[in-house]
N, C-alpha and C. Protein backbone atom coordinates (compact mmCIF):
# COMPACT_ATOMS: atom_id res chain seq x y z
N UNK A 1 0.85 -1.19 0.01
CA UNK A 1 0.00 -0.01 0.01
C UNK A 1 0.91 1.22 0.00
N UNK A 2 0.61 2.14 -0.94
CA UNK A 2 1.47 3.31 -0.99
C UNK A 2 1.06 4.40 -0.03
N UNK A 3 1.92 5.40 0.10
CA UNK A 3 1.69 6.43 1.10
C UNK A 3 0.44 7.26 0.92
N UNK A 4 0.06 7.47 -0.37
CA UNK A 4 -1.15 8.23 -0.63
C UNK A 4 -2.35 7.48 -0.16
N UNK A 5 -2.41 6.16 -0.38
CA UNK A 5 -3.58 5.38 0.08
C UNK A 5 -3.67 5.41 1.59
N UNK A 6 -2.51 5.31 2.25
CA UNK A 6 -2.57 5.33 3.73
C UNK A 6 -2.97 6.72 4.22
N UNK A 7 -2.46 7.76 3.62
CA UNK A 7 -2.83 9.14 4.06
C UNK A 7 -4.28 9.41 3.74
N UNK A 8 -4.82 8.77 2.72
CA UNK A 8 -6.23 9.08 2.33
C UNK A 8 -7.23 8.41 3.28
N UNK A 9 -6.81 7.42 4.04
CA UNK A 9 -7.75 6.68 4.91
C UNK A 9 -8.50 7.58 5.83
N UNK A 10 -7.89 8.44 6.61
CA UNK A 10 -8.64 9.32 7.51
C UNK A 10 -9.48 10.33 6.73
N UNK A 11 -9.01 10.76 5.59
CA UNK A 11 -9.76 11.70 4.78
C UNK A 11 -11.03 11.01 4.25
N UNK A 12 -10.90 9.78 3.77
CA UNK A 12 -12.01 9.02 3.31
C UNK A 12 -13.02 8.72 4.42
N UNK A 13 -12.55 8.47 5.61
CA UNK A 13 -13.42 8.23 6.76
C UNK A 13 -14.21 9.49 7.12
N UNK A 14 -13.53 10.64 7.11
CA UNK A 14 -14.23 11.88 7.40
C UNK A 14 -15.26 12.25 6.34
N UNK A 15 -14.88 12.03 5.07
CA UNK A 15 -15.80 12.29 3.97
C UNK A 15 -17.00 11.37 4.07
N UNK A 16 -16.79 10.13 4.51
CA UNK A 16 -17.90 9.20 4.67
C UNK A 16 -18.92 9.69 5.71
N UNK A 17 -18.40 10.21 6.82
CA UNK A 17 -19.29 10.70 7.86
C UNK A 17 -20.06 11.94 7.33
N UNK A 18 -19.35 12.82 6.67
CA UNK A 18 -19.98 14.06 6.17
C UNK A 18 -21.00 13.72 5.09
N UNK A 19 -20.75 12.73 4.26
CA UNK A 19 -21.75 12.38 3.22
C UNK A 19 -22.96 11.79 3.86
N UNK A 20 -22.84 11.04 4.96
CA UNK A 20 -23.99 10.48 5.66
C UNK A 20 -24.85 11.61 6.23
N UNK A 21 -24.22 12.63 6.80
CA UNK A 21 -24.98 13.74 7.36
C UNK A 21 -25.74 14.51 6.24
N UNK A 22 -25.01 14.75 5.16
CA UNK A 22 -25.61 15.47 4.01
C UNK A 22 -26.76 14.67 3.46
N UNK A 23 -26.58 13.37 3.27
CA UNK A 23 -27.59 12.51 2.73
C UNK A 23 -28.86 12.51 3.58
N UNK A 24 -28.65 12.45 4.89
CA UNK A 24 -29.81 12.49 5.81
C UNK A 24 -30.59 13.78 5.68
N UNK A 25 -29.90 14.87 5.54
CA UNK A 25 -30.60 16.16 5.36
C UNK A 25 -31.38 16.18 4.06
N UNK A 26 -30.73 15.70 2.98
CA UNK A 26 -31.43 15.65 1.70
C UNK A 26 -32.59 14.75 1.73
N UNK A 27 -32.46 13.62 2.40
CA UNK A 27 -33.58 12.71 2.48
C UNK A 27 -34.77 13.33 3.24
N UNK A 28 -34.48 13.99 4.38
CA UNK A 28 -35.54 14.64 5.11
C UNK A 28 -36.29 15.68 4.27
N UNK A 29 -35.53 16.45 3.46
CA UNK A 29 -36.16 17.46 2.64
C UNK A 29 -36.98 16.75 1.54
N UNK A 30 -36.44 15.73 0.94
CA UNK A 30 -37.17 15.01 -0.10
C UNK A 30 -38.44 14.37 0.43
N UNK A 31 -38.33 13.77 1.62
CA UNK A 31 -39.51 13.10 2.20
C UNK A 31 -40.56 14.08 2.58
N UNK A 32 -40.16 15.29 2.95
CA UNK A 32 -41.21 16.28 3.34
C UNK A 32 -41.99 16.71 2.08
N UNK A 33 -41.41 16.55 0.92
CA UNK A 33 -42.17 16.88 -0.32
C UNK A 33 -43.15 15.75 -0.67
N UNK A 34 -42.84 14.51 -0.24
CA UNK A 34 -43.69 13.36 -0.57
C UNK A 34 -44.84 13.17 0.50
N UNK A 35 -44.51 13.33 1.74
CA UNK A 35 -45.48 13.03 2.82
C UNK A 35 -45.56 14.22 3.78
N UNK A 36 -46.79 14.65 4.02
CA UNK A 36 -46.98 15.79 4.94
C UNK A 36 -46.92 15.47 6.41
N UNK A 37 -46.77 14.18 6.72
CA UNK A 37 -46.72 13.79 8.14
C UNK A 37 -45.45 14.23 8.88
N UNK A 38 -44.50 14.74 8.12
CA UNK A 38 -43.26 15.19 8.78
C UNK A 38 -42.18 14.21 8.71
N UNK A 39 -42.07 13.42 9.78
CA UNK A 39 -40.95 12.48 9.92
C UNK A 39 -41.16 11.27 8.98
N UNK A 40 -40.11 10.74 8.53
CA UNK A 40 -40.18 9.51 7.68
C UNK A 40 -40.52 8.33 8.59
N UNK A 41 -41.14 7.31 8.05
CA UNK A 41 -41.57 6.20 8.83
C UNK A 41 -40.44 5.25 9.15
N UNK A 42 -40.50 4.66 10.35
CA UNK A 42 -39.61 3.58 10.69
C UNK A 42 -40.23 2.27 10.25
N UNK A 43 -39.43 1.26 10.11
CA UNK A 43 -39.97 -0.09 9.68
C UNK A 43 -40.98 -0.61 10.69
N UNK A 44 -40.88 -0.22 11.92
CA UNK A 44 -41.80 -0.74 12.93
C UNK A 44 -42.95 0.22 13.27
N UNK A 45 -43.09 1.26 12.45
CA UNK A 45 -44.16 2.26 12.66
C UNK A 45 -45.51 1.63 12.31
N UNK A 46 -46.29 1.33 13.34
CA UNK A 46 -47.53 0.61 13.16
C UNK A 46 -48.61 1.40 12.38
N UNK A 47 -48.50 2.69 12.36
CA UNK A 47 -49.52 3.51 11.71
C UNK A 47 -49.22 3.83 10.24
N UNK A 48 -48.20 3.30 9.70
CA UNK A 48 -47.80 3.51 8.32
C UNK A 48 -48.01 2.29 7.48
N UNK A 49 -48.27 2.45 6.23
CA UNK A 49 -48.51 1.31 5.32
C UNK A 49 -47.17 0.71 4.90
N UNK A 50 -47.26 -0.54 4.39
CA UNK A 50 -46.06 -1.21 3.83
C UNK A 50 -45.49 -0.35 2.75
N UNK A 51 -46.31 0.16 1.88
CA UNK A 51 -45.86 0.90 0.75
C UNK A 51 -45.11 2.14 1.15
N UNK A 52 -45.62 2.85 2.17
CA UNK A 52 -44.94 4.07 2.68
C UNK A 52 -43.61 3.75 3.29
N UNK A 53 -43.55 2.70 4.09
CA UNK A 53 -42.27 2.30 4.73
C UNK A 53 -41.27 1.91 3.72
N UNK A 54 -41.66 1.09 2.72
CA UNK A 54 -40.73 0.62 1.70
C UNK A 54 -40.28 1.75 0.76
N UNK A 55 -41.17 2.67 0.48
CA UNK A 55 -40.86 3.82 -0.37
C UNK A 55 -39.78 4.68 0.36
N UNK A 56 -40.02 4.90 1.62
CA UNK A 56 -39.09 5.71 2.43
C UNK A 56 -37.73 5.06 2.51
N UNK A 57 -37.68 3.74 2.71
CA UNK A 57 -36.42 3.06 2.80
C UNK A 57 -35.68 3.09 1.45
N UNK A 58 -36.40 2.89 0.40
CA UNK A 58 -35.74 2.88 -0.97
C UNK A 58 -35.20 4.27 -1.29
N UNK A 59 -35.99 5.29 -1.00
CA UNK A 59 -35.55 6.67 -1.31
C UNK A 59 -34.35 7.02 -0.47
N UNK A 60 -34.38 6.68 0.84
CA UNK A 60 -33.24 6.96 1.70
C UNK A 60 -31.99 6.27 1.24
N UNK A 61 -32.13 5.05 0.83
CA UNK A 61 -30.98 4.26 0.33
C UNK A 61 -30.40 4.85 -0.93
N UNK A 62 -31.28 5.23 -1.86
CA UNK A 62 -30.85 5.79 -3.13
C UNK A 62 -30.11 7.10 -2.93
N UNK A 63 -30.66 7.94 -2.01
CA UNK A 63 -30.01 9.24 -1.76
C UNK A 63 -28.67 9.02 -1.09
N UNK A 64 -28.61 8.13 -0.09
CA UNK A 64 -27.36 7.82 0.56
C UNK A 64 -26.33 7.34 -0.36
N UNK A 65 -26.66 6.39 -1.23
CA UNK A 65 -25.67 5.86 -2.18
C UNK A 65 -25.21 6.92 -3.17
N UNK A 66 -26.13 7.71 -3.67
CA UNK A 66 -25.72 8.78 -4.60
C UNK A 66 -24.83 9.84 -3.98
N UNK A 67 -25.16 10.25 -2.83
CA UNK A 67 -24.35 11.29 -2.15
C UNK A 67 -23.01 10.72 -1.79
N UNK A 68 -22.98 9.51 -1.25
CA UNK A 68 -21.73 8.88 -0.86
C UNK A 68 -20.78 8.72 -2.08
N UNK A 69 -21.34 8.28 -3.19
CA UNK A 69 -20.51 8.08 -4.38
C UNK A 69 -19.98 9.43 -4.86
N UNK A 70 -20.82 10.44 -4.88
CA UNK A 70 -20.36 11.76 -5.31
C UNK A 70 -19.25 12.34 -4.43
N UNK A 71 -19.42 12.18 -3.13
CA UNK A 71 -18.43 12.73 -2.17
C UNK A 71 -17.14 11.94 -2.22
N UNK A 72 -17.27 10.60 -2.35
CA UNK A 72 -16.06 9.78 -2.48
C UNK A 72 -15.29 10.10 -3.74
N UNK A 73 -16.01 10.25 -4.82
CA UNK A 73 -15.39 10.53 -6.13
C UNK A 73 -14.74 11.93 -6.07
N UNK A 74 -15.39 12.90 -5.49
CA UNK A 74 -14.84 14.23 -5.40
C UNK A 74 -13.56 14.22 -4.50
N UNK A 75 -13.57 13.45 -3.44
CA UNK A 75 -12.42 13.37 -2.58
C UNK A 75 -11.20 12.71 -3.26
N UNK A 76 -11.48 11.65 -4.05
CA UNK A 76 -10.43 10.97 -4.76
C UNK A 76 -9.89 11.87 -5.88
N UNK A 77 -10.75 12.59 -6.56
CA UNK A 77 -10.30 13.50 -7.64
C UNK A 77 -9.41 14.62 -7.03
N UNK A 78 -9.88 15.18 -5.89
CA UNK A 78 -9.10 16.23 -5.27
C UNK A 78 -7.73 15.69 -4.81
N UNK A 79 -7.73 14.50 -4.30
CA UNK A 79 -6.43 13.89 -3.89
C UNK A 79 -5.50 13.71 -5.03
N UNK A 80 -6.02 13.28 -6.20
CA UNK A 80 -5.15 13.11 -7.37
C UNK A 80 -4.65 14.46 -7.84
N UNK A 81 -5.48 15.48 -7.79
CA UNK A 81 -4.99 16.83 -8.17
C UNK A 81 -3.86 17.31 -7.29
N UNK A 82 -3.97 17.03 -5.99
CA UNK A 82 -2.98 17.49 -5.01
C UNK A 82 -1.71 16.62 -5.09
N UNK A 83 -1.87 15.32 -5.15
CA UNK A 83 -0.71 14.40 -5.04
C UNK A 83 -0.23 13.85 -6.35
N UNK A 84 -1.13 13.83 -7.35
CA UNK A 84 -0.82 13.20 -8.66
C UNK A 84 -1.04 11.71 -8.66
N UNK A 85 -1.62 11.17 -7.56
CA UNK A 85 -1.88 9.72 -7.44
C UNK A 85 -3.33 9.52 -7.05
N UNK A 86 -3.98 8.55 -7.68
CA UNK A 86 -5.33 8.16 -7.33
C UNK A 86 -5.29 7.34 -6.05
N UNK A 87 -6.13 7.69 -5.06
CA UNK A 87 -6.03 7.04 -3.72
C UNK A 87 -6.67 5.66 -3.70
N UNK A 88 -7.45 5.26 -4.67
CA UNK A 88 -8.21 4.01 -4.59
C UNK A 88 -7.56 2.81 -5.00
């Protein structure tokens, strides 16, 4: 493992946490456009339908995956610009 990959580990970890926070905020905003109840349903929410629970889970997963990929890619691209080496 080269030095850039080792040095990128804490950067990647930090970016992962930040992407999770950003994705959660985006999901809450998106869900508020879909459902007027406010909070998104939990899987064990007795008062919500299967469709609502599964839609919320699928949307949350899609947003998380998209944001995480974008942030990871941006971090790797920035690392290559700074060091000249791709960290992955």
